[in-house]
Amino acid sequence: MMDLIKRLAVEEQGADATEYALLASLVAVALIVGATALGGKINNVFNSVQNKMVS
């Protein structure tokens, strides 16, 4: 069992995939936060346009 743990600690082949997965998850979180913040503003603009068209 200790040999397996030592080989996993030394082996770096899966490190690239892990780094790319972490980077992709950070980009996804940034997109979600940005879309959420921007979504409210866009909704306000559309509501304003709708109100001006109705009146």
PDB file of N, CA and C in Angstrom:
ATOM      1  N   MET A   1       0.825  -1.185   0.000  1.00  0.00           N
ATOM      2  CA  MET A   1       0.000   0.000   0.000  1.00  0.00           C
ATOM      3  C   MET A   1       0.872   1.253   0.000  1.00  0.00           C
ATOM      4  N   MET A   2       1.930   1.251   0.783  1.00  0.00           N
ATOM      5  CA  MET A   2       2.829   2.400   0.836  1.00  0.00           C
ATOM      6  C   MET A   2       3.512   2.629  -0.511  1.00  0.00           C
ATOM      7  N   ASP A   3       3.814   1.530  -1.227  1.00  0.00           N
ATOM      8  CA  ASP A   3       4.428   1.684  -2.543  1.00  0.00           C
ATOM      9  C   ASP A   3       3.477   2.408  -3.498  1.00  0.00           C
ATOM     10  N   LEU A   4       2.197   2.095  -3.430  1.00  0.00           N
ATOM     11  CA  LEU A   4       1.203   2.743  -4.274  1.00  0.00           C
ATOM     12  C   LEU A   4       1.121   4.234  -3.962  1.00  0.00           C
ATOM     13  N   ILE A   5       1.116   4.571  -2.712  1.00  0.00           N
ATOM     14  CA  ILE A   5       1.046   5.976  -2.304  1.00  0.00           C
ATOM     15  C   ILE A   5       2.297   6.719  -2.765  1.00  0.00           C
ATOM     16  N   LYS A   6       3.451   6.086  -2.638  1.00  0.00           N
ATOM     17  CA  LYS A   6       4.689   6.729  -3.075  1.00  0.00           C
ATOM     18  C   LYS A   6       4.688   6.946  -4.586  1.00  0.00           C
ATOM     19  N   ARG A   7       4.210   5.947  -5.347  1.00  0.00           N
ATOM     20  CA  ARG A   7       4.155   6.104  -6.802  1.00  0.00           C
ATOM     21  C   ARG A   7       3.182   7.200  -7.203  1.00  0.00           C
ATOM     22  N   LEU A   8       2.053   7.302  -6.526  1.00  0.00           N
ATOM     23  CA  LEU A   8       1.087   8.347  -6.848  1.00  0.00           C
ATOM     24  C   LEU A   8       1.626   9.730  -6.505  1.00  0.00           C
ATOM     25  N   ALA A   9       2.392   9.827  -5.434  1.00  0.00           N
ATOM     26  CA  ALA A   9       2.952  11.110  -5.035  1.00  0.00           C
ATOM     27  C   ALA A   9       4.025  11.576  -6.015  1.00  0.00           C
ATOM     28  N   VAL A  10       4.774  10.640  -6.580  1.00  0.00           N
ATOM     29  CA  VAL A  10       5.858  10.974  -7.498  1.00  0.00           C
ATOM     30  C   VAL A  10       5.339  11.171  -8.916  1.00  0.00           C
ATOM     31  N   GLU A  11       4.337  10.425  -9.305  1.00  0.00           N
ATOM     32  CA  GLU A  11       3.823  10.470 -10.671  1.00  0.00           C
ATOM     33  C   GLU A  11       3.143  11.811 -10.937  1.00  0.00           C
ATOM     34  N   GLU A  12       3.517  12.453 -12.030  1.00  0.00           N
ATOM     35  CA  GLU A  12       2.970  13.761 -12.358  1.00  0.00           C
ATOM     36  C   GLU A  12       2.144  13.748 -13.632  1.00  0.00           C
ATOM     37  N   GLN A  13       1.867  12.606 -14.172  1.00  0.00           N
ATOM     38  CA  GLN A  13       1.152  12.519 -15.437  1.00  0.00           C
ATOM     39  C   GLN A  13      -0.272  13.058 -15.306  1.00  0.00           C
ATOM     40  N   GLY A  14      -0.940  12.797 -14.208  1.00  0.00           N
ATOM     41  CA  GLY A  14      -2.301  13.269 -14.019  1.00  0.00           C
ATOM     42  C   GLY A  14      -2.380  14.693 -13.512  1.00  0.00           C
ATOM     43  N   ALA A  15      -1.238  15.293 -13.200  1.00  0.00           N
ATOM     44  CA  ALA A  15      -1.245  16.650 -12.654  1.00  0.00           C
ATOM     45  C   ALA A  15      -1.738  17.660 -13.682  1.00  0.00           C
ATOM     46  N   ASP A  16      -1.378  17.479 -14.941  1.00  0.00           N
ATOM     47  CA  ASP A  16      -1.821  18.409 -15.979  1.00  0.00           C
ATOM     48  C   ASP A  16      -3.336  18.403 -16.102  1.00  0.00           C
ATOM     49  N   ALA A  17      -3.921  17.224 -16.100  1.00  0.00           N
ATOM     50  CA  ALA A  17      -5.375  17.129 -16.215  1.00  0.00           C
ATOM     51  C   ALA A  17      -6.058  17.775 -15.019  1.00  0.00           C
ATOM     52  N   THR A  18      -5.494  17.598 -13.851  1.00  0.00           N
ATOM     53  CA  THR A  18      -6.055  18.206 -12.646  1.00  0.00           C
ATOM     54  C   THR A  18      -5.960  19.723 -12.711  1.00  0.00           C
ATOM     55  N   GLU A  19      -4.831  20.224 -13.169  1.00  0.00           N
ATOM     56  CA  GLU A  19      -4.666  21.676 -13.289  1.00  0.00           C
ATOM     57  C   GLU A  19      -5.642  22.261 -14.296  1.00  0.00           C
ATOM     58  N   TYR A  20      -5.826  21.580 -15.421  1.00  0.00           N
ATOM     59  CA  TYR A  20      -6.779  22.061 -16.427  1.00  0.00           C
ATOM     60  C   TYR A  20      -8.206  22.016 -15.885  1.00  0.00           C
ATOM     61  N   ALA A  21      -8.525  20.999 -15.113  1.00  0.00           N
ATOM     62  CA  ALA A  21      -9.862  20.913 -14.531  1.00  0.00           C
ATOM     63  C   ALA A  21     -10.098  22.037 -13.536  1.00  0.00           C
ATOM     64  N   LEU A  22      -9.108  22.341 -12.717  1.00  0.00           N
ATOM     65  CA  LEU A  22      -9.230  23.460 -11.772  1.00  0.00           C
ATOM     66  C   LEU A  22      -9.361  24.783 -12.509  1.00  0.00           C
ATOM     67  N   LEU A  23      -8.592  24.973 -13.560  1.00  0.00           N
ATOM     68  CA  LEU A  23      -8.666  26.200 -14.342  1.00  0.00           C
ATOM     69  C   LEU A  23     -10.033  26.336 -15.004  1.00  0.00           C
ATOM     70  N   ALA A  24     -10.535  25.248 -15.565  1.00  0.00           N
ATOM     71  CA  ALA A  24     -11.853  25.277 -16.204  1.00  0.00           C
ATOM     72  C   ALA A  24     -12.952  25.573 -15.192  1.00  0.00           C
ATOM     73  N   SER A  25     -12.833  25.038 -13.995  1.00  0.00           N
ATOM     74  CA  SER A  25     -13.853  25.305 -12.977  1.00  0.00           C
ATOM     75  C   SER A  25     -13.804  26.762 -12.520  1.00  0.00           C
ATOM     76  N   LEU A  26     -12.623  27.336 -12.415  1.00  0.00           N
ATOM     77  CA  LEU A  26     -12.513  28.752 -12.050  1.00  0.00           C
ATOM     78  C   LEU A  26     -13.102  29.648 -13.130  1.00  0.00           C
ATOM     79  N   VAL A  27     -12.865  29.314 -14.393  1.00  0.00           N
ATOM     80  CA  VAL A  27     -13.447  30.082 -15.497  1.00  0.00           C
ATOM     81  C   VAL A  27     -14.964  29.970 -15.464  1.00  0.00           C
ATOM     82  N   ALA A  28     -15.477  28.775 -15.195  1.00  0.00           N
ATOM     83  CA  ALA A  28     -16.929  28.586 -15.125  1.00  0.00           C
ATOM     84  C   ALA A  28     -17.536  29.403 -13.994  1.00  0.00           C
ATOM     85  N   VAL A  29     -16.891  29.415 -12.852  1.00  0.00           N
ATOM     86  CA  VAL A  29     -17.396  30.210 -11.723  1.00  0.00           C
ATOM     87  C   VAL A  29     -17.385  31.694 -12.070  1.00  0.00           C
ATOM     88  N   ALA A  30     -16.320  32.150 -12.717  1.00  0.00           N
ATOM     89  CA  ALA A  30     -16.239  33.562 -13.105  1.00  0.00           C
ATOM     90  C   ALA A  30     -17.347  33.914 -14.096  1.00  0.00           C
ATOM     91  N   LEU A  31     -17.625  33.023 -15.041  1.00  0.00           N
ATOM     92  CA  LEU A  31     -18.701  33.265 -16.002  1.00  0.00           C
ATOM     93  C   LEU A  31     -20.061  33.311 -15.326  1.00  0.00           C
ATOM     94  N   ILE A  32     -20.279  32.432 -14.390  1.00  0.00           N
ATOM     95  CA  ILE A  32     -21.563  32.400 -13.682  1.00  0.00           C
ATOM     96  C   ILE A  32     -21.745  33.674 -12.859  1.00  0.00           C
ATOM     97  N   VAL A  33     -20.708  34.082 -12.161  1.00  0.00           N
ATOM     98  CA  VAL A  33     -20.798  35.303 -11.351  1.00  0.00           C
ATOM     99  C   VAL A  33     -21.019  36.513 -12.252  1.00  0.00           C
ATOM    100  N   GLY A  34     -20.298  36.585 -13.344  1.00  0.00           N
ATOM    101  CA  GLY A  34     -20.453  37.701 -14.276  1.00  0.00           C
ATOM    102  C   GLY A  34     -21.829  37.731 -14.910  1.00  0.00           C
ATOM    103  N   ALA A  35     -22.329  36.573 -15.317  1.00  0.00           N
ATOM    104  CA  ALA A  35     -23.656  36.510 -15.934  1.00  0.00           C
ATOM    105  C   ALA A  35     -24.740  36.867 -14.931  1.00  0.00           C
ATOM    106  N   THR A  36     -24.564  36.478 -13.698  1.00  0.00           N
ATOM    107  CA  THR A  36     -25.542  36.809 -12.660  1.00  0.00           C
ATOM    108  C   THR A  36     -25.567  38.310 -12.410  1.00  0.00           C
ATOM    109  N   ALA A  37     -24.409  38.914 -12.311  1.00  0.00           N
ATOM    110  CA  ALA A  37     -24.336  40.358 -12.062  1.00  0.00           C
ATOM    111  C   ALA A  37     -24.863  41.146 -13.255  1.00  0.00           C
ATOM    112  N   LEU A  38     -24.496  40.723 -14.441  1.00  0.00           N
ATOM    113  CA  LEU A  38     -24.918  41.421 -15.648  1.00  0.00           C
ATOM    114  C   LEU A  38     -26.376  41.135 -15.976  1.00  0.00           C
ATOM    115  N   GLY A  39     -26.851  39.958 -15.608  1.00  0.00           N
ATOM    116  CA  GLY A  39     -28.229  39.574 -15.916  1.00  0.00           C
ATOM    117  C   GLY A  39     -29.249  40.498 -15.289  1.00  0.00           C
ATOM    118  N   GLY A  40     -29.017  40.918 -14.079  1.00  0.00           N
ATOM    119  CA  GLY A  40     -29.945  41.830 -13.406  1.00  0.00           C
ATOM    120  C   GLY A  40     -30.009  43.177 -14.109  1.00  0.00           C
ATOM    121  N   LYS A  41     -28.861  43.669 -14.549  1.00  0.00           N
ATOM    122  CA  LYS A  41     -28.822  44.951 -15.246  1.00  0.00           C
ATOM    123  C   LYS A  41     -29.529  44.857 -16.600  1.00  0.00           C
ATOM    124  N   ILE A  42     -29.314  43.774 -17.312  1.00  0.00           N
ATOM    125  CA  ILE A  42     -29.972  43.589 -18.606  1.00  0.00           C
ATOM    126  C   ILE A  42     -31.476  43.482 -18.418  1.00  0.00           C
ATOM    127  N   ASN A  43     -31.889  42.792 -17.386  1.00  0.00           N
ATOM    128  CA  ASN A  43     -33.317  42.671 -17.093  1.00  0.00           C
ATOM    129  C   ASN A  43     -33.924  44.039 -16.826  1.00  0.00           C
ATOM    130  N   ASN A  44     -33.223  44.895 -16.094  1.00  0.00           N
ATOM    131  CA  ASN A  44     -33.713  46.246 -15.826  1.00  0.00           C
ATOM    132  C   ASN A  44     -33.844  47.058 -17.111  1.00  0.00           C
ATOM    133  N   VAL A  45     -32.889  46.903 -18.025  1.00  0.00           N
ATOM    134  CA  VAL A  45     -32.949  47.627 -19.297  1.00  0.00           C
ATOM    135  C   VAL A  45     -34.169  47.178 -20.096  1.00  0.00           C
ATOM    136  N   PHE A  46     -34.400  45.884 -20.179  1.00  0.00           N
ATOM    137  CA  PHE A  46     -35.559  45.387 -20.935  1.00  0.00           C
ATOM    138  C   PHE A  46     -36.870  45.833 -20.291  1.00  0.00           C
ATOM    139  N   ASN A  47     -36.927  45.829 -18.972  1.00  0.00           N
ATOM    140  CA  ASN A  47     -38.144  46.299 -18.297  1.00  0.00           C
ATOM    141  C   ASN A  47     -38.381  47.778 -18.566  1.00  0.00           C
ATOM    142  N   SER A  48     -37.316  48.563 -18.582  1.00  0.00           N
ATOM    143  CA  SER A  48     -37.435  49.984 -18.869  1.00  0.00           C
ATOM    144  C   SER A  48     -37.940  50.211 -20.295  1.00  0.00           C
ATOM    145  N   VAL A  49     -37.394  49.480 -21.249  1.00  0.00           N
ATOM    146  CA  VAL A  49     -37.840  49.590 -22.639  1.00  0.00           C
ATOM    147  C   VAL A  49     -39.298  49.167 -22.758  1.00  0.00           C
ATOM    148  N   GLN A  50     -39.671  48.098 -22.085  1.00  0.00           N
ATOM    149  CA  GLN A  50     -41.050  47.624 -22.127  1.00  0.00           C
ATOM    150  C   GLN A  50     -42.009  48.672 -21.556  1.00  0.00           C
ATOM    151  N   ASN A  51     -41.633  49.280 -20.441  1.00  0.00           N
ATOM    152  CA  ASN A  51     -42.485  50.298 -19.833  1.00  0.00           C
ATOM    153  C   ASN A  51     -42.641  51.517 -20.727  1.00  0.00           C
ATOM    154  N   LYS A  52     -41.573  51.898 -21.433  1.00  0.00           N
ATOM    155  CA  LYS A  52     -41.645  53.038 -22.327  1.00  0.00           C
ATOM    156  C   LYS A  52     -42.507  52.728 -23.549  1.00  0.00           C
ATOM    157  N   MET A  53     -42.502  51.482 -23.982  1.00  0.00           N
ATOM    158  CA  MET A  53     -43.320  51.105 -25.156  1.00  0.00           C
ATOM    159  C   MET A  53     -44.799  51.041 -24.789  1.00  0.00           C
ATOM    160  N   VAL A  54     -45.104  50.647 -23.570  1.00  0.00           N
ATOM    161  CA  VAL A  54     -46.493  50.524 -23.124  1.00  0.00           C
ATOM    162  C   VAL A  54     -47.098  51.902 -22.904  1.00  0.00           C
ATOM    163  N   SER A  55     -46.313  52.847 -22.341  1.00  0.00           N
ATOM    164  CA  SER A  55     -46.899  54.156 -22.037  1.00  0.00           C
ATOM    165  C   SER A  55     -47.001  55.045 -23.237  1.00  0.00           C
TER     166      SER A  55
END
